[in-house]
Amino acid sequence: MRRFRLGRWHADAYCQPRLALVGDAAHTIHPLAGQGANLGLLDAAALVEVLAGAVERDEDWPGLRTLRRYERWRRSENAVMLASDRRSEPSLRQHERDDERAASLRVVGGRAAAVAAPLR
């Protein structure tokens, strides 16, 4: 059984002129932390708010100056979440260290649950 190494990171930059990264394109967080989708939705909402404000002020809304506002806002908030994920790292690492027998038992258990209607 092959394993996919999980981790957390930020993109070097969230934006370039006429381009903004949101969600997993901008950052990743361990899925067991349960915050990845939330961060992506917050990124999207922040980007809409920044762009709408730029349009209202008749600014160059796809320009780098406008998109940097989004980047500063979300990078700082995402950094807080990534740091809190780091504090829970020991329990996440334990999950990744499951031996092959444990992984095999999960597969068997999942297959049993799939065929046992009361367990679904």
Protein backbone atom coordinates (compact mmCIF):
# COMPACT_ATOMS: atom_id res chain seq x y z
CA MET A 1 0.00 0.00 0.00
CA ARG A 2 1.43 3.40 -1.00
CA ARG A 3 1.04 6.46 1.19
CA PHE A 4 0.51 10.04 0.19
CA ARG A 5 2.50 12.37 2.43
CA LEU A 6 0.32 15.07 3.90
CA GLY A 7 1.56 18.47 4.84
CA ARG A 8 0.90 22.18 5.01
CA TRP A 9 2.29 25.05 2.96
CA HIS A 10 1.64 28.51 1.53
CA ALA A 11 2.26 29.53 -2.05
CA ASP A 12 5.15 31.99 -2.39
CA ALA A 13 2.62 34.55 -3.65
CA TYR A 14 -1.18 34.44 -3.68
CA CYS A 15 -1.46 36.81 -6.63
CA GLN A 16 0.00 38.26 -9.80
CA PRO A 17 -1.58 40.88 -12.06
CA ARG A 18 -5.00 39.59 -13.11
CA LEU A 19 -4.54 36.32 -11.16
CA ALA A 20 -5.38 35.31 -7.59
CA LEU A 21 -4.94 31.91 -5.96
CA VAL A 22 -7.63 30.71 -3.56
CA GLY A 23 -8.12 27.58 -1.48
CA ASP A 24 -5.75 24.66 -2.03
CA ALA A 25 -4.02 26.53 -4.86
CA ALA A 26 -2.83 29.10 -2.30
CA HIS A 27 -2.29 26.87 0.73
CA THR A 28 -2.84 23.37 2.05
CA ILE A 29 -3.57 22.06 5.50
CA HIS A 30 -3.71 18.49 6.79
CA PRO A 31 -7.22 17.14 6.06
CA LEU A 32 -7.58 15.79 9.59
CA ALA A 33 -7.52 19.38 10.82
CA GLY A 34 -10.89 19.74 9.08
CA GLN A 35 -10.35 23.33 7.97
CA GLY A 36 -9.29 23.14 4.32
CA ALA A 37 -12.70 23.79 2.77
CA ASN A 38 -13.44 26.51 5.30
CA LEU A 39 -10.21 28.34 4.45
CA GLY A 40 -10.98 28.09 0.74
CA LEU A 41 -14.46 29.54 1.20
CA LEU A 42 -13.05 32.37 3.32
CA ASP A 43 -10.47 33.05 0.60
CA ALA A 44 -13.21 33.27 -2.03
CA ALA A 45 -15.36 35.57 0.13
CA ALA A 46 -12.40 37.85 0.87
CA LEU A 47 -11.46 38.04 -2.81
CA VAL A 48 -15.04 39.00 -3.76
CA GLU A 49 -15.09 41.67 -1.05
CA VAL A 50 -11.75 43.15 -2.15
CA LEU A 51 -12.74 43.14 -5.84
CA ALA A 52 -16.17 44.66 -5.13
CA GLY A 53 -14.56 47.42 -3.10
CA ALA A 54 -12.14 48.17 -5.91
CA VAL A 55 -14.98 48.34 -8.45
CA GLU A 56 -16.95 50.71 -6.17
CA ARG A 57 -13.91 52.99 -5.88
CA ASP A 58 -13.33 52.78 -9.66
CA GLU A 59 -9.89 51.22 -9.08
CA ASP A 60 -8.04 48.83 -11.36
CA TRP A 61 -9.78 45.78 -9.85
CA PRO A 62 -7.65 43.07 -11.57
CA GLY A 63 -4.44 45.00 -10.88
CA LEU A 64 -1.70 43.83 -8.58
CA ARG A 65 -2.27 46.61 -6.04
CA THR A 66 -5.88 45.48 -5.51
CA LEU A 67 -5.05 41.79 -5.44
CA ARG A 68 -2.28 42.38 -2.88
CA ARG A 69 -4.99 43.55 -0.44
CA TYR A 70 -6.57 40.12 -0.74
CA GLU A 71 -3.17 38.45 -0.32
CA ARG A 72 -2.27 40.41 2.83
CA TRP A 73 -5.69 39.71 4.36
CA ARG A 74 -5.84 35.99 3.69
CA ARG A 75 -2.16 35.13 4.09
CA SER A 76 -2.18 36.47 7.64
CA GLU A 77 -5.39 34.65 8.61
CA ASN A 78 -4.33 31.42 6.89
CA ALA A 79 -0.97 31.58 8.68
CA VAL A 80 -2.80 31.51 12.02
CA MET A 81 -4.68 28.36 11.00
CA LEU A 82 -1.55 26.70 9.63
CA ALA A 83 0.23 27.45 12.91
CA SER A 84 -2.60 25.92 14.94
CA ASP A 85 -2.44 22.85 12.68
CA ARG A 86 1.26 22.61 13.54
CA ARG A 87 0.40 22.43 17.27
CA SER A 88 -1.77 19.38 16.58
CA GLU A 89 0.97 17.77 14.48
CA PRO A 90 1.87 14.94 16.92
CA SER A 91 -1.61 13.43 16.68
CA LEU A 92 -1.66 13.91 12.90
CA ARG A 93 1.75 12.25 12.57
CA GLN A 94 0.53 9.29 14.63
CA HIS A 95 -2.27 8.82 12.14
CA GLU A 96 0.28 8.78 9.30
CA ARG A 97 2.45 6.20 11.11
CA ASP A 98 -0.16 3.47 11.12
CA ASP A 99 1.53 0.23 10.17
CA GLU A 100 0.42 -1.91 7.26
CA ARG A 101 -1.69 -4.17 9.48
CA ALA A 102 -3.74 -1.22 10.69
CA ALA A 103 -4.17 -0.01 7.12
CA SER A 104 -5.28 -3.50 6.07
CA LEU A 105 -7.78 -3.65 8.94
CA ARG A 106 -9.25 -0.31 7.83
CA VAL A 107 -9.71 -1.69 4.31
CA VAL A 108 -11.37 -4.85 5.62
CA GLY A 109 -13.57 -2.83 7.97
CA GLY A 110 -14.58 -0.47 5.18
CA ARG A 111 -15.51 -3.37 2.92
CA ALA A 112 -17.53 -5.00 5.72
CA ALA A 113 -19.38 -1.77 6.36
CA ALA A 114 -20.10 -1.41 2.65
CA VAL A 115 -21.95 -4.74 2.52
CA ALA A 116 -23.62 -4.56 5.95
CA ALA A 117 -26.67 -2.34 5.47
CA PRO A 118 -27.25 -1.66 9.21
CA LEU A 119 -23.71 -0.25 9.55
CA ARG A 120 -24.22 2.32 6.78
